[in-house]
Amino acid sequence: MKHRGALPARLLAIVMALALVAAACSDDDTDASRPAADTAAVTEQPEPEPEPAAPDASDASMATTQMAAVEEQPILLDITSAAGSSGLDITFGEEGPFLDQILAGAGQIDVLGALHGSFPPLARENALTNLADLLDDLSADRSFAPSMVSAGLLGTADNLAFVPWAQATYIMAANRQALDYVPAGVDIDNMTWDDLADWCQALLDGEGRPLCGLPRAGLFHRFLEGYMWPSYTGGMVSQFRSDGAEAMMAFLRDDLSPTLNPEGINWDFMQEPLLSGEAWVAFDHVARLIEAFETEPETFAAFPTPSGPVGRGFMPVIVGLGIPADAPNPEAAAAAIEYLTRPDVQSQVLAQLAFFPVVEGVDTSSLPEGVAIEAEAVEKLLNAPDGIPALLPVGLGERGGEINQIFRNAFDRIVDGGEDIATVLDEEGDALQALMNETGAPCWDPDPAGDGPCVVEPAG
């Protein structure tokens, strides 16, 4: 019997012969004689391409006009020390020189951190990168405040000039001793400007000295532009010389000013006179009051700014991050913006610099007590049903300081100089119209949008 596994002798001989033929042919035609599968198995595979290095935020050159006070700079640098491999490279300075560099195409700035009003002159010259796609990428893991994003569009449908970075505003502060003089029936969270004047008069009568103060050497023009004019007229530029503006100026001259500490003309930051006791009630930017709330949180209360006959004018200060069209390192710039808008970084900026977040999910549970006091007042102001948001002046470029001076001139001439209200408003209104015409700046909130330069309406 044959073994079941053995090959027949003839078949075995054929197999061996074929093997010898294949071996002989392999010396001369190796690749052609192999099946495709064998060829693929032995062909040398190319080395995989290395993954490109992630953009490093520290390679970006950032210029900022905000958080630039001497005492604020080291705080921001410390907060951003973990960005990239070596922290952000930040230059602090004024708006004009930065805008000039970008408009000249110097190619030296990767990220510009500036107020909302700094961006329109750049956008008009196509000197900015459209950041709509970057915002979409960032929105995958963070939610930006819609109103802040809308501001970055500068009135366009889809051309985003800047990604929101931070926001701030102006509030009122009071020494708790002053609360004993609040007029009967008045709630400090819902008072009018007339109520404030009555309160300041009661303090003057009760304490024998003026204890209300305004930062005449500081951001006083914002008090006029964003709070007084909108509260009495509903506008800023368009209603500059309206009947409402005349009534407002009479109020400032006859009712409020006589109750104010005259030293206010030397005050820049109101936190200092609050802490020294020279002022018991004050108006100022949150960043210029924070030291009082942090140093003596048990001494001071914060509350929203008052309302006027038309509503509660207030100025939301919007800070954005833009990438110039000629940025030398746009990828690094995008990485820097990604870092600065992270909720945990926004939380640090709030806690240490009192600039409020623009994204959701920021942890406020462990804020310093002083910041928490301000945050409560800001929330009440932003949510006030009679609020009239008045944006910072837009579209004036390096001439932004001129509009501030026009508003100051009107106050100084009428309240300090005793000049006729209607005459001053008419003359300064002409100067304001000339500025709008020469810059071509269109109206901004709360004035009605329109084509061409914003129009200062005639008196009446």
Protein backbone atom coordinates (compact mmCIF):
# COMPACT_ATOMS: atom_id res chain seq x y z
CA MET A 1 0.00 0.00 0.00
CA LYS A 2 1.31 3.49 -0.91
CA HIS A 3 1.67 6.16 1.82
CA ARG A 4 -1.19 8.64 1.47
CA GLY A 5 1.17 11.64 1.72
CA ALA A 6 3.72 10.52 -0.89
CA LEU A 7 3.89 12.08 -4.42
CA PRO A 8 3.92 9.76 -7.42
CA ALA A 9 7.49 9.37 -8.77
CA ARG A 10 6.66 10.99 -12.20
CA LEU A 11 4.99 14.00 -10.61
CA LEU A 12 7.88 14.45 -8.21
CA ALA A 13 10.33 14.53 -11.08
CA ILE A 14 8.31 17.24 -12.90
CA VAL A 15 8.20 19.46 -9.79
CA MET A 16 11.96 19.18 -9.28
CA ALA A 17 12.64 20.06 -12.92
CA LEU A 18 10.47 23.17 -12.76
CA ALA A 19 12.29 24.26 -9.61
CA LEU A 20 15.66 24.04 -11.37
CA VAL A 21 14.37 26.11 -14.32
CA ALA A 22 12.99 28.81 -12.01
CA ALA A 23 16.27 29.03 -10.13
CA ALA A 24 18.20 29.44 -13.38
CA CYS A 25 15.93 32.21 -14.62
CA SER A 26 16.02 34.14 -11.35
CA ASP A 27 19.63 35.26 -11.84
CA ASP A 28 18.78 37.23 -14.99
CA ASP A 29 15.17 38.47 -14.48
CA THR A 30 14.48 38.54 -10.79
CA ASP A 31 11.85 41.36 -10.68
CA ALA A 32 9.94 40.19 -13.75
CA SER A 33 9.75 36.60 -12.53
CA ARG A 34 8.18 37.43 -9.15
CA PRO A 35 4.44 37.79 -8.66
CA ALA A 36 3.23 41.35 -7.93
CA ALA A 37 2.51 40.45 -4.32
CA ASP A 38 6.11 39.32 -3.80
CA THR A 39 7.45 42.48 -5.43
CA ALA A 40 5.43 44.70 -3.12
CA ALA A 41 6.65 42.77 -0.13
CA VAL A 42 10.30 43.48 -0.77
CA THR A 43 10.16 46.99 -2.33
CA GLU A 44 11.75 49.56 0.03
CA GLN A 45 9.09 51.87 1.51
CA PRO A 46 9.78 55.68 1.64
CA GLU A 47 10.32 57.24 5.04
CA PRO A 48 7.12 58.93 6.33
CA GLU A 49 7.10 62.73 6.19
CA PRO A 50 7.71 64.22 9.64
CA GLU A 51 4.74 65.98 11.22
CA PRO A 52 5.10 69.77 10.90
CA ALA A 53 5.86 71.49 14.18
CA ALA A 54 2.88 73.17 15.78
CA PRO A 55 3.00 76.98 15.57
CA ASP A 56 4.66 78.41 18.66
CA ALA A 57 2.86 81.43 20.12
CA SER A 58 6.14 82.75 21.48
CA ASP A 59 7.32 83.30 17.89
CA ALA A 60 4.65 85.99 17.47
CA SER A 61 5.51 89.64 17.95
CA MET A 62 2.57 91.25 19.75
CA ALA A 63 1.87 94.97 20.09
CA THR A 64 -0.78 96.16 22.52
CA THR A 65 -2.24 99.49 23.57
CA GLN A 66 -4.17 97.82 26.41
CA MET A 67 -3.03 96.56 29.81
CA ALA A 68 -0.11 98.86 29.10
CA ALA A 69 -0.01 100.89 32.31
CA VAL A 70 3.32 100.54 34.09
CA GLU A 71 1.80 98.49 36.89
CA GLU A 72 -0.18 96.30 34.44
CA GLN A 73 2.64 95.30 32.08
CA PRO A 74 4.45 92.83 34.36
CA ILE A 75 1.13 91.20 35.27
CA LEU A 76 0.23 90.54 31.64
CA LEU A 77 3.74 89.29 30.90
CA ASP A 78 3.49 86.88 33.82
CA ILE A 79 0.06 85.63 32.70
CA THR A 80 1.39 84.98 29.19
CA SER A 81 4.69 83.44 30.28
CA ALA A 82 3.29 79.96 29.54
CA ALA A 83 2.33 80.80 25.96
CA GLY A 84 4.47 78.81 23.56
CA SER A 85 7.98 77.82 24.55
CA SER A 86 9.01 81.11 26.09
CA GLY A 87 5.94 83.30 26.59
CA LEU A 88 4.63 86.08 24.41
CA ASP A 89 6.90 88.79 23.03
CA ILE A 90 4.85 91.89 23.85
CA THR A 91 5.52 95.53 23.05
CA PHE A 92 3.38 98.07 24.92
CA GLY A 93 2.68 101.44 23.38
CA GLU A 94 0.33 104.03 21.92
CA GLU A 95 -2.17 103.47 19.12
CA GLY A 96 -0.73 105.96 16.60
CA PRO A 97 2.75 104.47 16.11
CA PHE A 98 1.38 100.93 15.90
CA LEU A 99 -1.20 101.90 13.27
CA ASP A 100 1.44 103.80 11.31
CA GLN A 101 3.69 100.70 11.22
CA ILE A 102 0.90 98.50 9.95
CA LEU A 103 -0.36 100.99 7.36
CA ALA A 104 3.22 101.49 6.12
CA GLY A 105 3.57 97.74 5.55
CA ALA A 106 6.53 97.44 7.91
CA GLY A 107 5.85 93.74 8.47
CA GLN A 108 6.91 93.89 12.11
CA ILE A 109 3.69 93.15 14.05
CA ASP A 110 2.06 89.72 14.15
CA VAL A 111 -0.75 90.46 16.62
CA LEU A 112 -2.31 93.83 17.47
CA GLY A 113 -4.18 94.13 20.76
CA ALA A 114 -6.21 97.34 20.74
CA LEU A 115 -9.55 98.95 21.37
CA HIS A 116 -12.43 98.38 18.95
CA GLY A 117 -12.02 101.87 17.48
CA SER A 118 -8.42 101.24 16.42
CA PHE A 119 -9.34 98.68 13.76
CA PRO A 120 -11.60 100.52 11.23
CA PRO A 121 -8.75 102.66 9.78
CA LEU A 122 -6.79 99.46 9.16
CA ALA A 123 -9.78 97.64 7.71
CA ARG A 124 -10.44 100.49 5.26
CA GLU A 125 -6.92 100.05 3.88
CA ASN A 126 -7.19 96.23 3.71
CA ALA A 127 -4.36 96.05 6.22
CA LEU A 128 -5.92 93.27 8.31
CA THR A 129 -6.35 89.53 7.87
CA ASN A 130 -9.94 88.24 7.86
CA LEU A 131 -10.13 86.15 11.04
CA ALA A 132 -13.53 84.56 10.39
CA ASP A 133 -11.97 81.12 9.80
CA LEU A 134 -9.80 81.44 12.90
CA LEU A 135 -12.87 82.29 14.96
CA ASP A 136 -14.62 79.19 13.61
CA ASP A 137 -11.65 77.06 14.68
CA LEU A 138 -11.53 78.62 18.14
CA SER A 139 -15.29 78.23 18.58
CA ALA A 140 -14.90 74.45 18.52
CA ASP A 141 -13.98 74.50 22.21
CA ARG A 142 -15.00 77.96 23.48
CA SER A 143 -18.03 80.23 23.07
CA PHE A 144 -17.50 83.93 22.38
CA ALA A 145 -20.03 86.58 23.43
CA PRO A 146 -22.09 87.27 20.25
CA SER A 147 -22.10 91.03 20.82
CA MET A 148 -18.30 91.03 21.03
CA VAL A 149 -18.00 89.06 17.77
CA SER A 150 -20.47 91.40 16.08
CA ALA A 151 -18.28 94.34 17.05
CA GLY A 152 -15.32 92.68 15.34
CA LEU A 153 -17.19 92.53 12.03
CA LEU A 154 -17.16 96.35 11.83
CA GLY A 155 -20.51 96.39 10.08
CA THR A 156 -19.62 93.74 7.46
CA ALA A 157 -21.29 90.35 7.03
CA ASP A 158 -18.28 88.07 7.23
CA ASN A 159 -15.01 90.03 7.38
CA LEU A 160 -13.81 89.72 10.96
CA ALA A 161 -11.27 92.43 11.74
CA PHE A 162 -10.48 91.16 15.22
CA VAL A 163 -11.17 88.32 17.60
CA PRO A 164 -12.51 89.62 20.94
CA TRP A 165 -9.91 89.59 23.70
CA ALA A 166 -11.38 91.38 26.72
CA GLN A 167 -13.99 93.89 27.76
CA ALA A 168 -14.35 96.48 30.46
CA THR A 169 -16.57 99.41 31.37
CA TYR A 170 -17.05 102.21 33.88
CA ILE A 171 -18.93 101.94 37.17
CA MET A 172 -19.55 103.88 40.38
CA ALA A 173 -17.81 103.32 43.71
CA ALA A 174 -18.75 104.54 47.17
CA ASN A 175 -17.31 104.47 50.64
CA ARG A 176 -19.90 102.67 52.76
CA GLN A 177 -20.02 105.70 55.07
CA ALA A 178 -21.60 107.59 52.18
CA LEU A 179 -24.53 105.18 52.07
CA ASP A 180 -25.97 106.89 55.14
CA TYR A 181 -26.57 109.98 53.00
CA VAL A 182 -28.41 108.30 50.11
CA PRO A 183 -31.73 110.18 49.68
CA ALA A 184 -34.75 108.39 51.08
CA GLY A 185 -36.35 105.96 48.66
CA VAL A 186 -33.35 105.86 46.31
CA ASP A 187 -31.76 102.53 45.33
CA ILE A 188 -28.12 102.99 44.35
CA ASP A 189 -28.46 100.19 41.78
CA ASN A 190 -31.24 102.10 39.99
CA MET A 191 -30.59 105.77 40.65
CA THR A 192 -30.80 108.67 38.23
CA TRP A 193 -28.21 111.39 37.67
CA ASP A 194 -30.51 113.75 39.57
CA ASP A 195 -30.46 111.29 42.48
CA LEU A 196 -26.66 111.30 42.38
CA ALA A 197 -26.55 115.10 42.54
CA ASP A 198 -28.92 115.05 45.52
CA TRP A 199 -26.73 112.45 47.22
CA CYS A 200 -23.59 114.49 46.62
CA GLN A 201 -25.32 117.59 48.00
CA ALA A 202 -26.36 115.65 51.11
CA LEU A 203 -22.75 114.58 51.63
CA LEU A 204 -21.57 118.17 51.25
CA ASP A 205 -24.16 119.38 53.73
CA GLY A 206 -23.62 116.58 56.21
CA GLU A 207 -19.82 116.33 56.16
CA GLY A 208 -19.04 119.95 55.38
CA ARG A 209 -16.87 119.15 52.37
CA PRO A 210 -17.40 117.94 48.79
CA LEU A 211 -16.94 114.17 48.71
CA CYS A 212 -18.03 113.25 45.18
CA GLY A 213 -15.37 113.09 42.51
CA LEU A 214 -14.71 112.66 38.81
CA PRO A 215 -11.33 111.88 37.16
CA ARG A 216 -10.90 115.21 35.41
CA ALA A 217 -7.23 114.43 34.71
CA GLY A 218 -8.05 110.90 33.56
CA LEU A 219 -10.77 109.37 31.41
CA PHE A 220 -13.24 112.18 31.98
CA HIS A 221 -14.08 112.40 28.27
CA ARG A 222 -15.55 108.88 28.47
CA PHE A 223 -17.87 110.10 31.24
CA LEU A 224 -19.18 112.73 28.83
CA GLU A 225 -19.23 110.67 25.61
CA GLY A 226 -20.55 107.38 26.95
CA TYR A 227 -22.64 108.34 29.96
CA MET A 228 -23.91 111.91 29.98
CA TRP A 229 -24.72 112.52 26.30
CA PRO A 230 -26.40 109.12 25.70
CA SER A 231 -28.36 109.31 28.98
CA TYR A 232 -29.79 112.73 28.09
CA THR A 233 -29.97 112.58 24.28
CA GLY A 234 -29.82 108.94 23.17
CA GLY A 235 -26.83 109.76 20.98
CA MET A 236 -23.24 110.90 21.12
CA VAL A 237 -22.21 112.70 17.93
CA SER A 238 -25.54 113.23 16.18
CA GLN A 239 -27.20 114.80 19.24
CA PHE A 240 -24.20 116.82 20.40
CA ARG A 241 -26.06 120.17 20.30
CA SER A 242 -29.64 118.98 20.82
CA ASP A 243 -32.11 120.26 23.38
CA GLY A 244 -31.27 117.22 25.50
CA ALA A 245 -27.60 118.18 25.43
CA GLU A 246 -28.44 121.71 26.56
CA ALA A 247 -30.47 120.32 29.50
CA MET A 248 -27.63 117.98 30.38
CA MET A 249 -25.07 120.78 30.41
CA ALA A 250 -27.32 122.89 32.63
CA PHE A 251 -27.55 119.95 35.04
CA LEU A 252 -23.78 119.51 35.12
CA ARG A 253 -23.20 123.23 35.66
CA ASP A 254 -25.92 123.99 38.17
CA ASP A 255 -26.58 120.73 40.05
CA LEU A 256 -23.70 118.26 39.95
CA SER A 257 -20.55 120.33 39.56
CA PRO A 258 -21.07 122.44 42.72
CA THR A 259 -21.05 119.22 44.78
CA LEU A 260 -17.81 117.83 43.32
CA ASN A 261 -14.40 117.99 44.96
CA PRO A 262 -12.45 120.60 42.96
CA GLU A 263 -9.29 118.49 43.38
CA GLY A 264 -10.78 116.24 40.74
CA ILE A 265 -9.00 118.32 38.14
CA ASN A 266 -5.78 116.61 39.33
CA TRP A 267 -7.20 113.08 39.69
CA ASP A 268 -6.32 110.47 37.09
CA PHE A 269 -7.24 107.21 38.87
CA MET A 270 -10.15 107.54 41.30
CA GLN A 271 -8.97 104.62 43.43
CA GLU A 272 -6.41 106.93 45.01
CA PRO A 273 -8.78 109.64 46.36
CA LEU A 274 -11.17 106.90 47.48
CA LEU A 275 -8.44 105.25 49.54
CA SER A 276 -7.23 108.60 50.91
CA GLY A 277 -10.76 109.64 51.91
CA GLU A 278 -10.79 112.70 49.65
CA ALA A 279 -13.69 111.16 47.73
CA TRP A 280 -16.49 109.01 49.07
CA VAL A 281 -18.38 108.60 45.78
CA ALA A 282 -16.63 108.28 42.41
CA PHE A 283 -16.96 107.33 38.74
CA ASP A 284 -14.16 105.61 36.81
CA HIS A 285 -13.01 102.69 34.70
CA VAL A 286 -13.08 99.34 36.53
CA ALA A 287 -9.31 98.98 36.14
CA ARG A 288 -8.82 102.39 37.79
CA LEU A 289 -10.99 101.50 40.79
CA ILE A 290 -9.82 97.96 41.43
CA GLU A 291 -7.07 98.85 43.90
CA ALA A 292 -9.61 100.39 46.28
CA PHE A 293 -11.82 97.29 46.18
CA GLU A 294 -8.86 94.94 46.53
CA THR A 295 -7.16 96.88 49.33
CA GLU A 296 -10.26 97.55 51.43
CA PRO A 297 -13.16 95.43 50.14
CA GLU A 298 -15.06 95.95 53.38
CA THR A 299 -14.89 99.74 52.95
CA PHE A 300 -16.24 100.22 49.42
CA ALA A 301 -19.39 99.34 47.49
CA ALA A 302 -19.75 99.18 43.70
CA PHE A 303 -22.90 99.99 41.74
CA PRO A 304 -24.02 100.76 38.16
CA THR A 305 -23.83 104.22 36.69
CA PRO A 306 -27.08 106.26 36.93
CA SER A 307 -29.66 106.80 34.21
CA GLY A 308 -30.94 109.99 32.58
CA PRO A 309 -34.18 111.11 30.95
CA VAL A 310 -33.60 108.89 27.88
CA GLY A 311 -31.95 105.85 29.49
CA ARG A 312 -28.80 104.48 31.10
CA GLY A 313 -25.94 105.37 28.80
CA PHE A 314 -22.85 103.27 29.34
CA MET A 315 -19.66 102.54 27.45
CA PRO A 316 -18.62 98.92 26.90
CA VAL A 317 -14.90 98.93 26.23
CA ILE A 318 -14.13 96.16 23.71
CA VAL A 319 -10.54 95.02 23.24
CA GLY A 320 -9.69 92.93 20.17
CA LEU A 321 -6.82 90.92 18.71
CA GLY A 322 -6.07 91.43 15.03
CA ILE A 323 -3.49 90.02 12.64
CA PRO A 324 -2.03 92.53 10.15
CA ALA A 325 -2.08 91.46 6.52
CA ASP A 326 1.71 91.69 6.42
CA ALA A 327 2.31 89.79 9.68
CA PRO A 328 5.63 87.92 9.33
CA ASN A 329 4.40 84.96 11.43
CA PRO A 330 0.62 84.61 10.95
CA GLU A 331 0.54 81.00 12.19
CA ALA A 332 2.27 82.00 15.42
CA ALA A 333 -0.12 84.95 15.68
CA ALA A 334 -3.09 82.59 15.48
CA ALA A 335 -1.51 80.45 18.21
CA ALA A 336 -1.11 83.53 20.40
CA ILE A 337 -4.78 84.45 19.93
CA GLU A 338 -5.77 80.88 20.74
CA TYR A 339 -3.84 81.14 24.00
CA LEU A 340 -5.15 84.57 25.01
CA THR A 341 -8.78 83.53 24.54
CA ARG A 342 -8.61 80.32 26.57
CA PRO A 343 -11.09 80.45 29.47
CA ASP A 344 -8.39 79.79 32.07
CA VAL A 345 -6.25 82.65 30.71
CA GLN A 346 -9.28 84.94 30.57
CA SER A 347 -9.91 84.07 34.22
CA GLN A 348 -6.40 85.18 35.14
CA VAL A 349 -6.81 88.46 33.26
CA LEU A 350 -10.07 89.09 35.12
CA ALA A 351 -8.64 88.22 38.52
CA GLN A 352 -5.40 90.16 38.15
CA LEU A 353 -6.16 93.00 35.71
CA ALA A 354 -9.95 93.47 36.06
CA PHE A 355 -10.55 93.15 32.31
CA PHE A 356 -13.67 91.06 31.87
CA PRO A 357 -13.91 87.89 29.76
CA VAL A 358 -15.36 87.58 26.25
CA VAL A 359 -15.85 83.79 26.37
CA GLU A 360 -18.13 81.55 28.38
CA GLY A 361 -16.91 79.02 30.91
CA VAL A 362 -14.63 81.35 32.85
CA ASP A 363 -14.34 80.26 36.46
CA THR A 364 -15.38 83.13 38.74
CA SER A 365 -15.86 81.06 41.91
CA SER A 366 -12.52 82.03 43.40
CA LEU A 367 -12.15 85.62 42.26
CA PRO A 368 -10.39 88.01 44.59
CA GLU A 369 -12.96 89.78 46.71
CA GLY A 370 -12.36 93.16 45.08
CA VAL A 371 -12.84 91.81 41.55
CA ALA A 372 -16.00 90.00 42.63
CA ILE A 373 -17.42 93.28 43.95
CA GLU A 374 -16.81 94.97 40.60
CA ALA A 375 -18.10 91.98 38.63
CA GLU A 376 -21.48 92.18 40.36
CA ALA A 377 -21.85 95.87 39.51
CA VAL A 378 -20.79 95.29 35.90
CA GLU A 379 -23.34 92.50 35.51
CA LYS A 380 -26.12 94.78 36.78
CA LEU A 381 -25.06 97.52 34.39
CA LEU A 382 -24.82 95.27 31.32
CA ASN A 383 -28.22 93.75 32.06
CA ALA A 384 -30.05 97.00 32.88
CA PRO A 385 -33.29 97.11 30.85
CA ASP A 386 -32.84 100.81 30.09
CA GLY A 387 -29.20 100.46 29.00
CA ILE A 388 -27.91 102.45 26.01
CA PRO A 389 -24.54 101.01 24.90
CA ALA A 390 -22.28 103.73 23.54
CA LEU A 391 -19.18 102.43 21.79
CA LEU A 392 -15.82 104.11 21.87
CA PRO A 393 -15.32 106.47 18.93
CA VAL A 394 -14.75 104.51 15.72
CA GLY A 395 -13.03 105.35 12.48
CA LEU A 396 -11.03 108.39 13.56
CA GLY A 397 -7.63 106.71 13.57
CA GLU A 398 -4.84 108.81 14.99
CA ARG A 399 -7.26 111.75 15.32
CA GLY A 400 -9.24 109.99 18.03
CA GLY A 401 -7.85 112.36 20.62
CA GLU A 402 -9.54 115.30 18.89
CA ILE A 403 -13.07 114.11 19.59
CA ASN A 404 -12.18 113.65 23.24
CA GLN A 405 -10.92 117.21 23.39
CA ILE A 406 -14.09 118.57 21.77
CA PHE A 407 -16.26 117.00 24.48
CA ARG A 408 -13.90 118.25 27.18
CA ASN A 409 -13.88 121.72 25.67
CA ALA A 410 -17.66 121.90 25.84
CA PHE A 411 -17.64 121.01 29.55
CA ASP A 412 -14.72 123.29 30.42
CA ARG A 413 -16.16 126.30 28.60
CA ILE A 414 -19.66 125.92 30.04
CA VAL A 415 -19.11 124.53 33.55
CA ASP A 416 -15.76 126.08 34.40
CA GLY A 417 -15.83 129.12 32.11
CA GLY A 418 -19.49 130.11 32.46
CA GLU A 419 -20.03 130.55 28.71
CA ASP A 420 -23.45 130.34 27.10
CA ILE A 421 -24.55 126.73 26.66
CA ALA A 422 -26.16 127.02 23.22
CA THR A 423 -23.27 129.04 21.81
CA VAL A 424 -20.62 126.61 23.03
CA LEU A 425 -22.48 123.52 21.82
CA ASP A 426 -22.99 125.10 18.41
CA GLU A 427 -19.32 126.06 18.03
CA GLU A 428 -17.92 122.80 19.34
CA GLY A 429 -20.53 120.97 17.25
CA ASP A 430 -19.09 122.64 14.15
CA ALA A 431 -15.62 121.41 15.16
CA LEU A 432 -17.06 117.93 15.67
CA GLN A 433 -18.69 117.96 12.22
CA ALA A 434 -15.44 119.08 10.63
CA LEU A 435 -13.67 116.13 12.27
CA MET A 436 -16.28 113.70 10.96
CA ASN A 437 -16.05 115.16 7.46
CA GLU A 438 -12.26 115.15 7.32
CA THR A 439 -11.94 111.57 8.57
CA GLY A 440 -15.01 110.25 6.80
CA ALA A 441 -16.00 108.45 10.00
CA PRO A 442 -19.55 107.06 9.86
CA CYS A 443 -21.77 107.03 12.95
CA TRP A 444 -21.35 104.34 15.60
CA ASP A 445 -23.65 103.18 18.41
CA PRO A 446 -25.73 104.76 19.84
CA ASP A 447 -26.00 107.06 16.82
CA PRO A 448 -27.90 105.67 13.80
CA ALA A 449 -25.85 103.90 11.14
CA GLY A 450 -25.59 105.52 7.74
CA ASP A 451 -23.40 106.12 4.72
CA GLY A 452 -20.76 108.81 4.73
CA PRO A 453 -19.52 110.93 7.61
CA CYS A 454 -21.61 111.02 10.77
CA VAL A 455 -23.83 114.10 10.86
CA VAL A 456 -24.09 116.44 13.85
CA GLU A 457 -27.72 117.47 13.78
CA PRO A 458 -28.64 121.16 14.07
CA ALA A 459 -29.62 122.54 17.45
CA GLY A 460 -33.18 121.97 18.54
